[in-house]
């Protein structure tokens, strides 16, 4: 066993007793961990690999935020779905499971089936019932601002966050014209920072493929969004204490049958980041959170 592996094993043991101290005494102060999951269609399955490594290392997650497929994974996980259940569902997922072709001038399909799809993983329907506080992020086309959902029904917020422009019709709610949160918050780190997180981890799944040319309109749009995310990191990056970027450049937007490989990519990236996370958790005092709490419902 090499020195780095030994150090990790010892650190994990300390974190287990540190994060889950006996209720008979006051638990030691530790930084609150906020996890922001970005979008990426089937590439979002890589989030499961990251969550698996976190569970194995007993990394506590105090706050979750998600954009697009990141919102779906975060909602299912916060609702108590097991990683095994999500993996099995991901492996068998097809486009028709969460979308319905209903061509209109606003988009080619509706994503209202997402609400039924989420219920395959968890029966929880309201934010207030979740075991981990969650923010789902969408984009208001009228104001160009992100909209944060933190209470009420999860389903409509999820549909709004996943309403990929041009493919899915926008969602109209409370005076907002909502589309994919990817536009305003590709990795919603500000959301978890505002929830109260001291140590913010952003998971970026936007990988620009330089080896294959887009073959259809959807792949062109998808590649364009990847470019947008790449250059927008200057805006959200400074709010992040750690960025994890699984290598998913070899996967297409609909590579659901490659679920095991996507999960493995997430696991590799999480293991590389583990020493920095464990080091942060061992700090005796949490750092002061930046920003103030605010949300939309």
C-alpha atoms as a PDB file:
ATOM      1  CA  UNK A   1       0.000   0.000   0.000  1.00  0.00           C
ATOM      2  CA  UNK A   2       1.527   3.352  -1.009  1.00  0.00           C
ATOM      3  CA  UNK A   3       1.771   6.445   1.177  1.00  0.00           C
ATOM      4  CA  UNK A   4      -1.059   8.361  -0.524  1.00  0.00           C
ATOM      5  CA  UNK A   5      -3.474   5.437  -0.139  1.00  0.00           C
ATOM      6  CA  UNK A   6      -2.561   5.083   3.533  1.00  0.00           C
ATOM      7  CA  UNK A   7      -3.145   8.792   4.085  1.00  0.00           C
ATOM      8  CA  UNK A   8      -6.540   8.610   2.402  1.00  0.00           C
ATOM      9  CA  UNK A   9      -7.609   5.626   4.509  1.00  0.00           C
ATOM     10  CA  UNK A  10      -6.616   7.421   7.700  1.00  0.00           C
ATOM     11  CA  UNK A  11      -8.337  10.611   6.612  1.00  0.00           C
ATOM     12  CA  UNK A  12     -11.564   8.777   5.798  1.00  0.00           C
ATOM     13  CA  UNK A  13     -11.567   7.166   9.257  1.00  0.00           C
ATOM     14  CA  UNK A  14     -11.153  10.558  10.895  1.00  0.00           C
ATOM     15  CA  UNK A  15     -13.933  12.065   8.790  1.00  0.00           C
ATOM     16  CA  UNK A  16     -16.320   9.238   9.720  1.00  0.00           C
ATOM     17  CA  UNK A  17     -15.984  10.026  13.415  1.00  0.00           C
ATOM     18  CA  UNK A  18     -15.822  13.748  12.755  1.00  0.00           C
ATOM     19  CA  UNK A  19     -18.911  14.085  10.541  1.00  0.00           C
ATOM     20  CA  UNK A  20     -21.029  11.572  12.439  1.00  0.00           C
ATOM     21  CA  UNK A  21     -20.083  12.333  16.035  1.00  0.00           C
ATOM     22  CA  UNK A  22     -22.182  10.910  18.880  1.00  0.00           C
ATOM     23  CA  UNK A  23     -25.339  12.860  19.612  1.00  0.00           C
ATOM     24  CA  UNK A  24     -24.438  12.726  23.310  1.00  0.00           C
ATOM     25  CA  UNK A  25     -22.014  15.595  22.801  1.00  0.00           C
ATOM     26  CA  UNK A  26     -21.891  18.575  20.525  1.00  0.00           C
ATOM     27  CA  UNK A  27     -20.389  17.503  17.185  1.00  0.00           C
ATOM     28  CA  UNK A  28     -17.230  19.310  16.063  1.00  0.00           C
ATOM     29  CA  UNK A  29     -17.716  22.229  13.733  1.00  0.00           C
ATOM     30  CA  UNK A  30     -16.993  21.402  10.117  1.00  0.00           C
ATOM     31  CA  UNK A  31     -17.487  23.207   6.832  1.00  0.00           C
ATOM     32  CA  UNK A  32     -20.913  22.670   5.292  1.00  0.00           C
ATOM     33  CA  UNK A  33     -20.538  20.935   1.929  1.00  0.00           C
ATOM     34  CA  UNK A  34     -22.518  22.187  -1.053  1.00  0.00           C
ATOM     35  CA  UNK A  35     -22.644  20.121  -4.257  1.00  0.00           C
ATOM     36  CA  UNK A  36     -23.663  21.753  -7.554  1.00  0.00           C
ATOM     37  CA  UNK A  37     -24.433  19.332 -10.397  1.00  0.00           C
ATOM     38  CA  UNK A  38     -24.259  20.609 -13.962  1.00  0.00           C
ATOM     39  CA  UNK A  39     -26.190  19.569 -17.052  1.00  0.00           C
ATOM     40  CA  UNK A  40     -25.275  17.305 -19.950  1.00  0.00           C
ATOM     41  CA  UNK A  41     -28.128  14.899 -20.851  1.00  0.00           C
ATOM     42  CA  UNK A  42     -26.862  11.283 -20.643  1.00  0.00           C
ATOM     43  CA  UNK A  43     -23.478  12.553 -19.493  1.00  0.00           C
ATOM     44  CA  UNK A  44     -25.222  13.408 -16.240  1.00  0.00           C
ATOM     45  CA  UNK A  45     -25.043   9.725 -15.317  1.00  0.00           C
ATOM     46  CA  UNK A  46     -21.416  10.456 -14.392  1.00  0.00           C
ATOM     47  CA  UNK A  47     -22.822  12.257 -11.328  1.00  0.00           C
ATOM     48  CA  UNK A  48     -23.744   8.824  -9.954  1.00  0.00           C
ATOM     49  CA  UNK A  49     -20.106   7.766  -9.925  1.00  0.00           C
ATOM     50  CA  UNK A  50     -19.150  10.864  -7.988  1.00  0.00           C
ATOM     51  CA  UNK A  51     -21.932  10.304  -5.452  1.00  0.00           C
ATOM     52  CA  UNK A  52     -20.832   6.682  -5.039  1.00  0.00           C
ATOM     53  CA  UNK A  53     -17.289   7.733  -4.123  1.00  0.00           C
ATOM     54  CA  UNK A  54     -18.688  10.326  -1.710  1.00  0.00           C
ATOM     55  CA  UNK A  55     -20.790   7.653  -0.014  1.00  0.00           C
ATOM     56  CA  UNK A  56     -17.860   5.253   0.245  1.00  0.00           C
ATOM     57  CA  UNK A  57     -15.680   7.960   1.786  1.00  0.00           C
ATOM     58  CA  UNK A  58     -18.529   9.167   4.040  1.00  0.00           C
ATOM     59  CA  UNK A  59     -18.399  12.688   2.613  1.00  0.00           C
ATOM     60  CA  UNK A  60     -21.467  14.509   3.992  1.00  0.00           C
ATOM     61  CA  UNK A  61     -23.572  16.541   1.552  1.00  0.00           C
ATOM     62  CA  UNK A  62     -25.381  19.386   3.290  1.00  0.00           C
ATOM     63  CA  UNK A  63     -26.806  21.211   0.263  1.00  0.00           C
ATOM     64  CA  UNK A  64     -27.568  20.221  -3.321  1.00  0.00           C
ATOM     65  CA  UNK A  65     -28.272  22.275  -6.428  1.00  0.00           C
ATOM     66  CA  UNK A  66     -28.837  21.054  -9.946  1.00  0.00           C
ATOM     67  CA  UNK A  67     -29.231  22.300 -13.480  1.00  0.00           C
ATOM     68  CA  UNK A  68     -30.953  20.208 -16.165  1.00  0.00           C
ATOM     69  CA  UNK A  69     -29.957  16.540 -15.727  1.00  0.00           C
ATOM     70  CA  UNK A  70     -28.043  17.644 -12.643  1.00  0.00           C
ATOM     71  CA  UNK A  71     -31.390  18.724 -11.197  1.00  0.00           C
ATOM     72  CA  UNK A  72     -32.871  15.302 -11.978  1.00  0.00           C
ATOM     73  CA  UNK A  73     -30.010  13.430 -10.294  1.00  0.00           C
ATOM     74  CA  UNK A  74     -30.016  15.801  -7.318  1.00  0.00           C
ATOM     75  CA  UNK A  75     -33.787  15.542  -6.835  1.00  0.00           C
ATOM     76  CA  UNK A  76     -33.736  11.746  -6.977  1.00  0.00           C
ATOM     77  CA  UNK A  77     -30.798  11.490  -4.577  1.00  0.00           C
ATOM     78  CA  UNK A  78     -32.204  14.052  -2.144  1.00  0.00           C
ATOM     79  CA  UNK A  79     -35.479  12.142  -2.317  1.00  0.00           C
ATOM     80  CA  UNK A  80     -33.829   8.970  -1.060  1.00  0.00           C
ATOM     81  CA  UNK A  81     -33.253   7.068  -4.316  1.00  0.00           C
ATOM     82  CA  UNK A  82     -30.347   4.625  -4.122  1.00  0.00           C
ATOM     83  CA  UNK A  83     -27.495   4.877  -6.573  1.00  0.00           C
ATOM     84  CA  UNK A  84     -28.195   1.283  -7.639  1.00  0.00           C
ATOM     85  CA  UNK A  85     -31.779   2.169  -8.552  1.00  0.00           C
ATOM     86  CA  UNK A  86     -30.704   5.214 -10.523  1.00  0.00           C
ATOM     87  CA  UNK A  87     -28.054   3.197 -12.334  1.00  0.00           C
ATOM     88  CA  UNK A  88     -30.563   0.545 -13.414  1.00  0.00           C
ATOM     89  CA  UNK A  89     -33.044   3.156 -14.610  1.00  0.00           C
ATOM     90  CA  UNK A  90     -30.309   5.068 -16.432  1.00  0.00           C
ATOM     91  CA  UNK A  91     -29.189   1.936 -18.247  1.00  0.00           C
ATOM     92  CA  UNK A  92     -32.657   1.345 -19.682  1.00  0.00           C
ATOM     93  CA  UNK A  93     -33.522   5.014 -20.361  1.00  0.00           C
ATOM     94  CA  UNK A  94     -34.622   6.122 -23.799  1.00  0.00           C
ATOM     95  CA  UNK A  95     -35.679   9.545 -25.071  1.00  0.00           C
ATOM     96  CA  UNK A  96     -39.371   8.625 -24.973  1.00  0.00           C
ATOM     97  CA  UNK A  97     -39.122   7.959 -21.233  1.00  0.00           C
ATOM     98  CA  UNK A  98     -38.861  11.658 -20.450  1.00  0.00           C
ATOM     99  CA  UNK A  99     -39.997  13.399 -23.643  1.00  0.00           C
ATOM    100  CA  UNK A 100     -42.995  13.421 -25.954  1.00  0.00           C
ATOM    101  CA  UNK A 101     -42.910  14.706 -29.518  1.00  0.00           C
ATOM    102  CA  UNK A 102     -45.398  17.592 -29.763  1.00  0.00           C
ATOM    103  CA  UNK A 103     -44.020  19.831 -32.476  1.00  0.00           C
ATOM    104  CA  UNK A 104     -44.889  23.521 -32.078  1.00  0.00           C
ATOM    105  CA  UNK A 105     -43.243  26.847 -32.830  1.00  0.00           C
ATOM    106  CA  UNK A 106     -41.836  26.805 -29.287  1.00  0.00           C
ATOM    107  CA  UNK A 107     -40.084  23.454 -29.536  1.00  0.00           C
ATOM    108  CA  UNK A 108     -40.123  19.935 -30.923  1.00  0.00           C
ATOM    109  CA  UNK A 109     -41.175  18.123 -27.754  1.00  0.00           C
ATOM    110  CA  UNK A 110     -42.574  18.400 -24.256  1.00  0.00           C
ATOM    111  CA  UNK A 111     -40.615  17.186 -21.230  1.00  0.00           C
ATOM    112  CA  UNK A 112     -43.594  16.795 -18.889  1.00  0.00           C
ATOM    113  CA  UNK A 113     -42.919  13.036 -18.754  1.00  0.00           C
ATOM    114  CA  UNK A 114     -39.945  13.905 -16.563  1.00  0.00           C
ATOM    115  CA  UNK A 115     -42.290  14.112 -13.584  1.00  0.00           C
ATOM    116  CA  UNK A 116     -43.340  10.485 -14.067  1.00  0.00           C
ATOM    117  CA  UNK A 117     -39.728   9.518 -14.761  1.00  0.00           C
ATOM    118  CA  UNK A 118     -38.604  11.018 -11.434  1.00  0.00           C
ATOM    119  CA  UNK A 119     -41.297   9.059  -9.580  1.00  0.00           C
ATOM    120  CA  UNK A 120     -39.681   5.829 -10.809  1.00  0.00           C
ATOM    121  CA  UNK A 121     -36.772   6.731  -8.546  1.00  0.00           C
ATOM    122  CA  UNK A 122     -38.460   8.434  -5.593  1.00  0.00           C
ATOM    123  CA  UNK A 123     -42.052   8.978  -4.448  1.00  0.00           C
ATOM    124  CA  UNK A 124     -41.163  12.378  -2.961  1.00  0.00           C
ATOM    125  CA  UNK A 125     -42.984  15.175  -4.765  1.00  0.00           C
ATOM    126  CA  UNK A 126     -42.247  18.323  -2.743  1.00  0.00           C
ATOM    127  CA  UNK A 127     -39.030  20.092  -1.820  1.00  0.00           C
ATOM    128  CA  UNK A 128     -40.108  20.141   1.815  1.00  0.00           C
ATOM    129  CA  UNK A 129     -40.017  16.315   1.938  1.00  0.00           C
ATOM    130  CA  UNK A 130     -36.424  15.933   0.719  1.00  0.00           C
ATOM    131  CA  UNK A 131     -33.728  14.598   3.038  1.00  0.00           C
ATOM    132  CA  UNK A 132     -31.161  17.094   1.684  1.00  0.00           C
ATOM    133  CA  UNK A 133     -32.012  20.760   0.965  1.00  0.00           C
ATOM    134  CA  UNK A 134     -32.209  21.249  -2.796  1.00  0.00           C
ATOM    135  CA  UNK A 135     -32.273  24.128  -5.260  1.00  0.00           C
ATOM    136  CA  UNK A 136     -33.330  23.499  -8.854  1.00  0.00           C
ATOM    137  CA  UNK A 137     -32.221  26.164 -11.321  1.00  0.00           C
ATOM    138  CA  UNK A 138     -33.969  27.305 -14.501  1.00  0.00           C
ATOM    139  CA  UNK A 139     -33.458  30.332 -16.765  1.00  0.00           C
ATOM    140  CA  UNK A 140     -36.056  33.052 -17.345  1.00  0.00           C
ATOM    141  CA  UNK A 141     -35.933  33.968 -21.038  1.00  0.00           C
ATOM    142  CA  UNK A 142     -37.661  37.294 -20.348  1.00  0.00           C
ATOM    143  CA  UNK A 143     -35.220  38.563 -17.722  1.00  0.00           C
ATOM    144  CA  UNK A 144     -32.215  36.371 -18.681  1.00  0.00           C
ATOM    145  CA  UNK A 145     -31.772  35.675 -14.948  1.00  0.00           C
ATOM    146  CA  UNK A 146     -31.576  32.322 -13.143  1.00  0.00           C
ATOM    147  CA  UNK A 147     -34.664  31.296 -11.186  1.00  0.00           C
ATOM    148  CA  UNK A 148     -34.168  29.233  -8.033  1.00  0.00           C
ATOM    149  CA  UNK A 149     -36.781  26.705  -6.929  1.00  0.00           C
ATOM    150  CA  UNK A 150     -36.529  25.627  -3.293  1.00  0.00           C
ATOM    151  CA  UNK A 151     -40.091  24.850  -2.200  1.00  0.00           C
ATOM    152  CA  UNK A 152     -43.370  23.479  -3.507  1.00  0.00           C
ATOM    153  CA  UNK A 153     -43.695  20.766  -6.146  1.00  0.00           C
ATOM    154  CA  UNK A 154     -40.492  19.398  -7.600  1.00  0.00           C
ATOM    155  CA  UNK A 155     -41.933  18.193 -10.926  1.00  0.00           C
ATOM    156  CA  UNK A 156     -42.683  21.559 -12.600  1.00  0.00           C
ATOM    157  CA  UNK A 157     -39.345  22.983 -11.454  1.00  0.00           C
ATOM    158  CA  UNK A 158     -37.547  19.970 -12.928  1.00  0.00           C
ATOM    159  CA  UNK A 159     -39.341  20.323 -16.266  1.00  0.00           C
ATOM    160  CA  UNK A 160     -38.361  23.998 -16.405  1.00  0.00           C
ATOM    161  CA  UNK A 161     -34.725  23.277 -15.570  1.00  0.00           C
ATOM    162  CA  UNK A 162     -34.554  20.645 -18.337  1.00  0.00           C
ATOM    163  CA  UNK A 163     -36.381  22.624 -21.054  1.00  0.00           C
ATOM    164  CA  UNK A 164     -33.530  22.607 -23.566  1.00  0.00           C
ATOM    165  CA  UNK A 165     -34.154  25.510 -26.003  1.00  0.00           C
ATOM    166  CA  UNK A 166     -35.291  24.441 -29.436  1.00  0.00           C
ATOM    167  CA  UNK A 167     -35.896  20.856 -28.361  1.00  0.00           C
ATOM    168  CA  UNK A 168     -38.324  21.259 -25.449  1.00  0.00           C
ATOM    169  CA  UNK A 169     -41.020  23.866 -25.139  1.00  0.00           C
ATOM    170  CA  UNK A 170     -40.455  26.555 -22.491  1.00  0.00           C
ATOM    171  CA  UNK A 171     -42.388  26.284 -19.223  1.00  0.00           C
ATOM    172  CA  UNK A 172     -44.594  29.221 -18.249  1.00  0.00           C
ATOM    173  CA  UNK A 173     -44.948  29.658 -14.495  1.00  0.00           C
ATOM    174  CA  UNK A 174     -45.706  32.630 -12.235  1.00  0.00           C
ATOM    175  CA  UNK A 175     -44.987  35.133 -14.987  1.00  0.00           C
ATOM    176  CA  UNK A 176     -41.700  33.477 -15.966  1.00  0.00           C
ATOM    177  CA  UNK A 177     -40.919  31.936 -19.361  1.00  0.00           C
ATOM    178  CA  UNK A 178     -38.536  29.219 -18.244  1.00  0.00           C
ATOM    179  CA  UNK A 179     -35.956  27.183 -20.120  1.00  0.00           C
ATOM    180  CA  UNK A 180     -32.923  25.065 -19.281  1.00  0.00           C
ATOM    181  CA  UNK A 181     -30.933  26.351 -16.319  1.00  0.00           C
ATOM    182  CA  UNK A 182     -27.858  25.594 -18.402  1.00  0.00           C
ATOM    183  CA  UNK A 183     -28.084  29.069 -19.953  1.00  0.00           C
ATOM    184  CA  UNK A 184     -27.861  31.115 -16.750  1.00  0.00           C
ATOM    185  CA  UNK A 185     -26.193  28.623 -14.400  1.00  0.00           C
ATOM    186  CA  UNK A 186     -24.444  25.756 -16.216  1.00  0.00           C
ATOM    187  CA  UNK A 187     -22.980  24.677 -12.869  1.00  0.00           C
ATOM    188  CA  UNK A 188     -25.218  26.169 -10.136  1.00  0.00           C
ATOM    189  CA  UNK A 189     -22.513  26.919  -7.581  1.00  0.00           C
ATOM    190  CA  UNK A 190     -24.013  30.275  -6.592  1.00  0.00           C
ATOM    191  CA  UNK A 191     -27.196  28.507  -5.543  1.00  0.00           C
ATOM    192  CA  UNK A 192     -25.473  26.248  -2.993  1.00  0.00           C
ATOM    193  CA  UNK A 193     -23.297  29.124  -1.825  1.00  0.00           C
ATOM    194  CA  UNK A 194     -26.444  31.120  -1.088  1.00  0.00           C
ATOM    195  CA  UNK A 195     -27.992  28.126   0.680  1.00  0.00           C
ATOM    196  CA  UNK A 196     -25.208  28.366   3.252  1.00  0.00           C
ATOM    197  CA  UNK A 197     -22.437  26.099   1.978  1.00  0.00           C
ATOM    198  CA  UNK A 198     -18.928  26.849   3.213  1.00  0.00           C
ATOM    199  CA  UNK A 199     -17.149  24.515   0.796  1.00  0.00           C
ATOM    200  CA  UNK A 200     -18.685  24.450  -2.684  1.00  0.00           C
ATOM    201  CA  UNK A 201     -18.012  21.642  -5.146  1.00  0.00           C
ATOM    202  CA  UNK A 202     -19.057  22.209  -8.755  1.00  0.00           C
ATOM    203  CA  UNK A 203     -19.365  19.268 -11.144  1.00  0.00           C
ATOM    204  CA  UNK A 204     -18.931  20.295 -14.765  1.00  0.00           C
ATOM    205  CA  UNK A 205     -19.909  17.779 -17.436  1.00  0.00           C
ATOM    206  CA  UNK A 206     -19.535  20.023 -20.435  1.00  0.00           C
ATOM    207  CA  UNK A 207     -16.862  18.451 -22.595  1.00  0.00           C
ATOM    208  CA  UNK A 208     -16.105  19.807 -26.029  1.00  0.00           C
ATOM    209  CA  UNK A 209     -15.440  16.958 -28.423  1.00  0.00           C
ATOM    210  CA  UNK A 210     -12.679  17.893 -30.841  1.00  0.00           C
ATOM    211  CA  UNK A 211     -12.546  14.535 -32.577  1.00  0.00           C
ATOM    212  CA  UNK A 212     -16.028  14.195 -34.080  1.00  0.00           C
ATOM    213  CA  UNK A 213     -18.006  16.652 -36.152  1.00  0.00           C
ATOM    214  CA  UNK A 214     -21.678  17.205 -35.224  1.00  0.00           C
ATOM    215  CA  UNK A 215     -23.930  15.187 -37.520  1.00  0.00           C
ATOM    216  CA  UNK A 216     -27.301  16.834 -36.916  1.00  0.00           C
ATOM    217  CA  UNK A 217     -28.967  20.006 -35.660  1.00  0.00           C
ATOM    218  CA  UNK A 218     -29.252  18.794 -32.094  1.00  0.00           C
ATOM    219  CA  UNK A 219     -25.560  17.916 -31.879  1.00  0.00           C
ATOM    220  CA  UNK A 220     -24.649  21.337 -33.281  1.00  0.00           C
ATOM    221  CA  UNK A 221     -26.741  23.050 -30.591  1.00  0.00           C
ATOM    222  CA  UNK A 222     -25.330  20.755 -27.919  1.00  0.00           C
ATOM    223  CA  UNK A 223     -21.773  21.549 -28.980  1.00  0.00           C
ATOM    224  CA  UNK A 224     -22.603  25.258 -28.968  1.00  0.00           C
ATOM    225  CA  UNK A 225     -23.804  25.010 -25.371  1.00  0.00           C
ATOM    226  CA  UNK A 226     -20.588  23.210 -24.443  1.00  0.00           C
ATOM    227  CA  UNK A 227     -18.615  26.122 -25.860  1.00  0.00           C
ATOM    228  CA  UNK A 228     -20.811  28.534 -23.889  1.00  0.00           C
ATOM    229  CA  UNK A 229     -20.144  26.652 -20.653  1.00  0.00           C
ATOM    230  CA  UNK A 230     -16.417  26.492 -21.347  1.00  0.00           C
ATOM    231  CA  UNK A 231     -16.142  30.265 -21.615  1.00  0.00           C
ATOM    232  CA  UNK A 232     -18.639  31.027 -18.845  1.00  0.00           C
ATOM    233  CA  UNK A 233     -16.522  29.311 -16.182  1.00  0.00           C
ATOM    234  CA  UNK A 234     -14.912  32.684 -15.514  1.00  0.00           C
ATOM    235  CA  UNK A 235     -18.274  33.753 -14.068  1.00  0.00           C
ATOM    236  CA  UNK A 236     -19.087  30.776 -11.835  1.00  0.00           C
ATOM    237  CA  UNK A 237     -15.608  29.420 -11.191  1.00  0.00           C
ATOM    238  CA  UNK A 238     -14.594  32.005  -8.530  1.00  0.00           C
ATOM    239  CA  UNK A 239     -17.597  30.971  -6.406  1.00  0.00           C
ATOM    240  CA  UNK A 240     -16.364  27.376  -6.365  1.00  0.00           C
ATOM    241  CA  UNK A 241     -13.845  25.896  -3.952  1.00  0.00           C
ATOM    242  CA  UNK A 242     -13.372  22.791  -6.073  1.00  0.00           C
ATOM    243  CA  UNK A 243     -14.354  21.996  -9.659  1.00  0.00           C
ATOM    244  CA  UNK A 244     -14.666  18.325 -10.629  1.00  0.00           C
ATOM    245  CA  UNK A 245     -14.729  17.605 -14.361  1.00  0.00           C
ATOM    246  CA  UNK A 246     -15.290  13.958 -15.282  1.00  0.00           C
ATOM    247  CA  UNK A 247     -13.909  13.146 -18.717  1.00  0.00           C
ATOM    248  CA  UNK A 248     -17.100  12.531 -20.670  1.00  0.00           C
ATOM    249  CA  UNK A 249     -15.910  13.933 -23.995  1.00  0.00           C
ATOM    250  CA  UNK A 250     -16.203  10.529 -25.672  1.00  0.00           C
ATOM    251  CA  UNK A 251     -19.926  10.210 -24.884  1.00  0.00           C
ATOM    252  CA  UNK A 252     -22.886  11.513 -26.857  1.00  0.00           C
ATOM    253  CA  UNK A 253     -25.957  13.191 -25.405  1.00  0.00           C
ATOM    254  CA  UNK A 254     -28.025   9.982 -25.713  1.00  0.00           C
ATOM    255  CA  UNK A 255     -25.449   7.397 -24.579  1.00  0.00           C
ATOM    256  CA  UNK A 256     -27.688   5.978 -21.854  1.00  0.00           C
ATOM    257  CA  UNK A 257     -26.664   2.366 -22.693  1.00  0.00           C
ATOM    258  CA  UNK A 258     -23.115   3.357 -21.685  1.00  0.00           C
ATOM    259  CA  UNK A 259     -24.217   3.996 -18.100  1.00  0.00           C
ATOM    260  CA  UNK A 260     -21.443   1.825 -16.527  1.00  0.00           C
ATOM    261  CA  UNK A 261     -18.729   3.702 -18.431  1.00  0.00           C
ATOM    262  CA  UNK A 262     -20.223   7.080 -17.510  1.00  0.00           C
ATOM    263  CA  UNK A 263     -20.394   6.115 -13.840  1.00  0.00           C
ATOM    264  CA  UNK A 264     -16.768   4.970 -13.990  1.00  0.00           C
ATOM    265  CA  UNK A 265     -15.769   8.371 -15.399  1.00  0.00           C
ATOM    266  CA  UNK A 266     -17.459  10.076 -12.462  1.00  0.00           C
ATOM    267  CA  UNK A 267     -15.763   7.761  -9.995  1.00  0.00           C
ATOM    268  CA  UNK A 268     -12.300   8.456 -11.411  1.00  0.00           C
ATOM    269  CA  UNK A 269     -12.770  12.206 -11.210  1.00  0.00           C
ATOM    270  CA  UNK A 270     -14.152  12.010  -7.663  1.00  0.00           C
ATOM    271  CA  UNK A 271     -11.258   9.898  -6.409  1.00  0.00           C
ATOM    272  CA  UNK A 272      -8.779  12.413  -7.783  1.00  0.00           C
ATOM    273  CA  UNK A 273     -10.589  15.194  -5.898  1.00  0.00           C
ATOM    274  CA  UNK A 274     -10.992  13.250  -2.652  1.00  0.00           C
ATOM    275  CA  UNK A 275      -7.805  14.440  -0.895  1.00  0.00           C
ATOM    276  CA  UNK A 276      -8.806  18.098  -1.287  1.00  0.00           C
ATOM    277  CA  UNK A 277     -12.326  17.430   0.035  1.00  0.00           C
ATOM    278  CA  UNK A 278     -11.065  15.469   3.029  1.00  0.00           C
ATOM    279  CA  UNK A 279      -8.565  18.194   3.825  1.00  0.00           C
ATOM    280  CA  UNK A 280     -11.359  20.780   3.802  1.00  0.00           C
ATOM    281  CA  UNK A 281     -13.496  18.663   6.125  1.00  0.00           C
ATOM    282  CA  UNK A 282     -10.718  18.400   8.649  1.00  0.00           C
ATOM    283  CA  UNK A 283     -10.639  22.156   9.185  1.00  0.00           C
ATOM    284  CA  UNK A 284     -11.742  22.871  12.749  1.00  0.00           C
ATOM    285  CA  UNK A 285     -13.751  25.959  11.831  1.00  0.00           C
ATOM    286  CA  UNK A 286     -15.900  26.497   8.741  1.00  0.00           C
ATOM    287  CA  UNK A 287     -15.047  29.365   6.480  1.00  0.00           C
ATOM    288  CA  UNK A 288     -17.522  32.206   6.285  1.00  0.00           C
ATOM    289  CA  UNK A 289     -20.023  31.661   3.503  1.00  0.00           C
ATOM    290  CA  UNK A 290     -20.076  34.258   0.781  1.00  0.00           C
ATOM    291  CA  UNK A 291     -23.281  35.988  -0.227  1.00  0.00           C
ATOM    292  CA  UNK A 292     -26.708  36.069   1.323  1.00  0.00           C
ATOM    293  CA  UNK A 293     -29.518  33.574   1.045  1.00  0.00           C
ATOM    294  CA  UNK A 294     -32.191  34.205  -1.538  1.00  0.00           C
ATOM    295  CA  UNK A 295     -34.559  32.057  -3.583  1.00  0.00           C
ATOM    296  CA  UNK A 296     -37.534  32.076  -5.904  1.00  0.00           C
ATOM    297  CA  UNK A 297     -40.414  29.643  -5.732  1.00  0.00           C
END
